[in-house]
Amino acid sequence: MAQRALGAVPYATEWLEADLLAWALNDLEPSTGPLGQQTRTDILHSAFALHHLDDGAKLTFLKAARQRINPDGLFIWVDVFREPSESLEAYITRYTRRIHTGWPQLSSEQQDHVISHLTRFDLPADRSAIAAAAAQAGWQWRWGWHGAHRAEALAMLTPLP
């Protein structure tokens, strides 16, 4: 769908739908360039996926993805994040309240389904902690956007020299 939405572009592209952590760890069939060398990525994009990884797996991903991206590459990470020092329980309580009060388009049953997913599978990173972990993994972190609800945000990561 993303490839169709982008349309024709004047540069080479490769689209991959797969497990992002497996890609970063090279556990997928390697992509090779014209001379058989492992190719590196110029732009990496993740939207609302990495919050399903625990903190250890997020750090593993950041370290491994750093090795797969070009020195002048860009990692665009759009996701939900916790406020600095906010506990997961406080985040879930805050987000659940938001669903109940701010999502009237969904029926009670649909809201309960979203909340069930949130409480069982969502592990959003602490904003400060993940930026520090990214720096340890070789990334420069810059916030590009913060949502009005203090949950959704966009981070732009570039490799440190």
Protein backbone atom coordinates (compact mmCIF):
# COMPACT_ATOMS: atom_id res chain seq x y z
CA MET A 1 0.00 0.00 0.00
CA ALA A 2 2.81 2.41 0.83
CA GLN A 3 4.51 1.71 -2.47
CA ARG A 4 1.25 2.39 -4.36
CA ALA A 5 0.69 5.58 -2.37
CA LEU A 6 4.19 6.87 -3.12
CA GLY A 7 3.91 6.10 -6.82
CA ALA A 8 6.77 6.40 -9.27
CA VAL A 9 9.91 8.02 -7.91
CA PRO A 10 13.23 8.86 -9.62
CA TYR A 11 15.30 6.71 -7.26
CA ALA A 12 15.62 3.05 -6.40
CA THR A 13 13.28 1.74 -3.73
CA GLU A 14 12.81 -1.57 -2.00
CA TRP A 15 9.67 -2.21 0.01
CA LEU A 16 9.63 -4.88 2.68
CA GLU A 17 6.74 -5.93 4.87
CA ALA A 18 8.21 -7.99 7.66
CA ASP A 19 9.11 -8.20 11.32
CA LEU A 20 11.16 -5.05 11.92
CA LEU A 21 13.27 -6.60 14.68
CA ALA A 22 14.06 -9.63 12.48
CA TRP A 23 15.05 -7.25 9.67
CA ALA A 24 17.35 -5.27 11.97
CA LEU A 25 18.97 -8.47 13.24
CA ASN A 26 19.48 -9.73 9.67
CA ASP A 27 17.25 -12.73 10.39
CA LEU A 28 15.46 -12.24 7.07
CA GLU A 29 16.72 -13.08 3.63
CA PRO A 30 19.45 -10.47 3.08
CA SER A 31 18.93 -7.81 0.49
CA THR A 32 21.94 -7.51 -1.79
CA GLY A 33 23.14 -4.84 -4.15
CA PRO A 34 24.41 -5.17 -7.72
CA LEU A 35 27.73 -6.73 -6.70
CA GLY A 36 26.20 -9.03 -4.11
CA GLN A 37 27.07 -6.80 -1.16
CA GLN A 38 24.62 -6.37 1.70
CA THR A 39 22.70 -3.17 1.03
CA ARG A 40 22.19 -0.52 3.67
CA THR A 41 19.07 1.52 4.19
CA ASP A 42 18.74 5.25 3.56
CA ILE A 43 15.36 5.76 5.22
CA LEU A 44 13.75 3.56 7.82
CA HIS A 45 10.19 4.26 8.94
CA SER A 46 8.19 2.67 11.73
CA ALA A 47 4.69 3.79 12.67
CA PHE A 48 2.95 2.50 15.78
CA ALA A 49 4.78 -0.82 15.90
CA LEU A 50 7.83 -0.63 18.17
CA HIS A 51 5.75 0.10 21.26
CA HIS A 52 4.91 -3.61 21.25
CA LEU A 53 8.55 -4.47 22.07
CA ASP A 54 9.79 -4.47 25.65
CA ASP A 55 12.62 -2.08 26.56
CA GLY A 56 15.33 -4.72 26.01
CA ALA A 57 14.02 -5.56 22.54
CA LYS A 58 13.74 -1.84 21.68
CA LEU A 59 17.42 -1.41 22.60
CA THR A 60 18.34 -4.49 20.57
CA PHE A 61 16.42 -3.05 17.64
CA LEU A 62 18.10 0.36 17.94
CA LYS A 63 21.59 -1.19 18.04
CA ALA A 64 20.92 -3.55 15.14
CA ALA A 65 19.12 -0.96 12.98
CA ARG A 66 22.05 1.42 13.49
CA GLN A 67 24.25 -1.16 11.74
CA ARG A 68 21.80 -1.47 8.83
CA ILE A 69 21.40 2.22 8.01
CA ASN A 70 23.70 4.40 5.90
CA PRO A 71 25.88 6.93 7.76
CA ASP A 72 23.70 9.75 6.38
CA GLY A 73 20.44 7.80 6.77
CA LEU A 74 17.29 8.71 8.65
CA PHE A 75 15.07 6.65 10.95
CA ILE A 76 11.58 8.13 11.35
CA TRP A 77 9.83 6.68 14.39
CA VAL A 78 6.17 7.55 14.89
CA ASP A 79 4.63 5.90 17.93
CA VAL A 80 3.18 6.28 21.39
CA PHE A 81 5.57 7.19 24.19
CA ARG A 82 5.20 7.66 27.93
CA GLU A 83 5.99 10.94 29.61
CA PRO A 84 9.41 11.05 31.34
CA SER A 85 9.25 8.94 34.52
CA GLU A 86 5.57 8.02 33.90
CA SER A 87 4.90 4.42 34.89
CA LEU A 88 3.30 2.05 32.43
CA GLU A 89 0.30 1.75 34.77
CA ALA A 90 -0.17 5.54 34.88
CA TYR A 91 0.13 5.70 31.08
CA ILE A 92 -2.51 2.97 30.65
CA THR A 93 -4.85 4.72 33.08
CA ARG A 94 -4.37 8.03 31.28
CA TYR A 95 -4.85 6.51 27.82
CA THR A 96 -7.87 4.46 28.92
CA ARG A 97 -9.52 7.65 30.23
CA ARG A 98 -8.81 9.27 26.88
CA ILE A 99 -10.48 6.40 25.02
CA HIS A 100 -13.58 6.57 27.23
CA THR A 101 -13.96 10.34 26.99
CA GLY A 102 -12.52 11.20 23.60
CA TRP A 103 -13.41 8.36 21.27
CA PRO A 104 -17.24 8.61 21.03
CA GLN A 105 -17.16 7.22 17.49
CA LEU A 106 -16.48 3.77 18.95
CA SER A 107 -19.11 1.73 20.72
CA SER A 108 -18.41 0.65 24.31
CA GLU A 109 -17.54 -2.81 23.00
CA GLN A 110 -15.06 -1.38 20.50
CA GLN A 111 -13.51 0.83 23.18
CA ASP A 112 -13.14 -2.21 25.44
CA HIS A 113 -11.40 -4.06 22.61
CA VAL A 114 -8.87 -1.24 22.17
CA ILE A 115 -8.32 -1.04 25.93
CA SER A 116 -7.79 -4.81 26.10
CA HIS A 117 -5.11 -4.54 23.42
CA LEU A 118 -3.55 -1.56 25.19
CA THR A 119 -3.30 -3.34 28.54
CA ARG A 120 -2.06 -6.64 27.10
CA PHE A 121 0.37 -5.61 24.36
CA ASP A 122 1.42 -1.96 24.57
CA LEU A 123 4.77 -1.12 26.15
CA PRO A 124 5.45 2.49 25.13
CA ALA A 125 8.92 3.74 25.92
CA ASP A 126 9.65 6.49 28.42
CA ARG A 127 10.57 9.50 26.26
CA SER A 128 13.73 10.38 28.18
CA ALA A 129 14.90 6.81 28.69
CA ILE A 130 14.50 5.81 25.04
CA ALA A 131 16.34 8.91 23.79
CA ALA A 132 19.24 8.04 26.14
CA ALA A 133 19.16 4.40 25.00
CA ALA A 134 19.20 5.53 21.38
CA ALA A 135 22.30 7.64 22.02
CA GLN A 136 23.99 4.58 23.56
CA ALA A 137 23.09 2.65 20.42
CA GLY A 138 24.70 5.26 18.14
CA TRP A 139 21.76 7.51 17.27
CA GLN A 140 21.17 11.24 17.55
CA TRP A 141 17.57 11.77 18.67
CA ARG A 142 15.41 14.76 17.75
CA TRP A 143 11.71 15.16 18.42
CA GLY A 144 9.85 16.31 15.32
CA TRP A 145 6.30 16.41 16.67
CA HIS A 146 4.34 15.77 19.86
CA GLY A 147 0.61 15.07 19.86
CA ALA A 148 -1.73 17.13 21.98
CA HIS A 149 -2.47 14.15 24.25
CA ARG A 150 1.14 13.60 25.39
CA ALA A 151 1.21 10.12 23.92
CA GLU A 152 1.76 10.16 20.17
CA ALA A 153 4.98 11.62 18.87
CA LEU A 154 7.45 11.55 15.98
CA ALA A 155 11.17 11.14 16.53
CA MET A 156 13.84 11.57 13.89
CA LEU A 157 16.99 9.57 14.49
CA THR A 158 20.22 9.98 12.56
CA PRO A 159 23.39 7.95 12.99
CA LEU A 160 26.04 9.45 15.22
CA PRO A 161 29.42 9.71 13.48
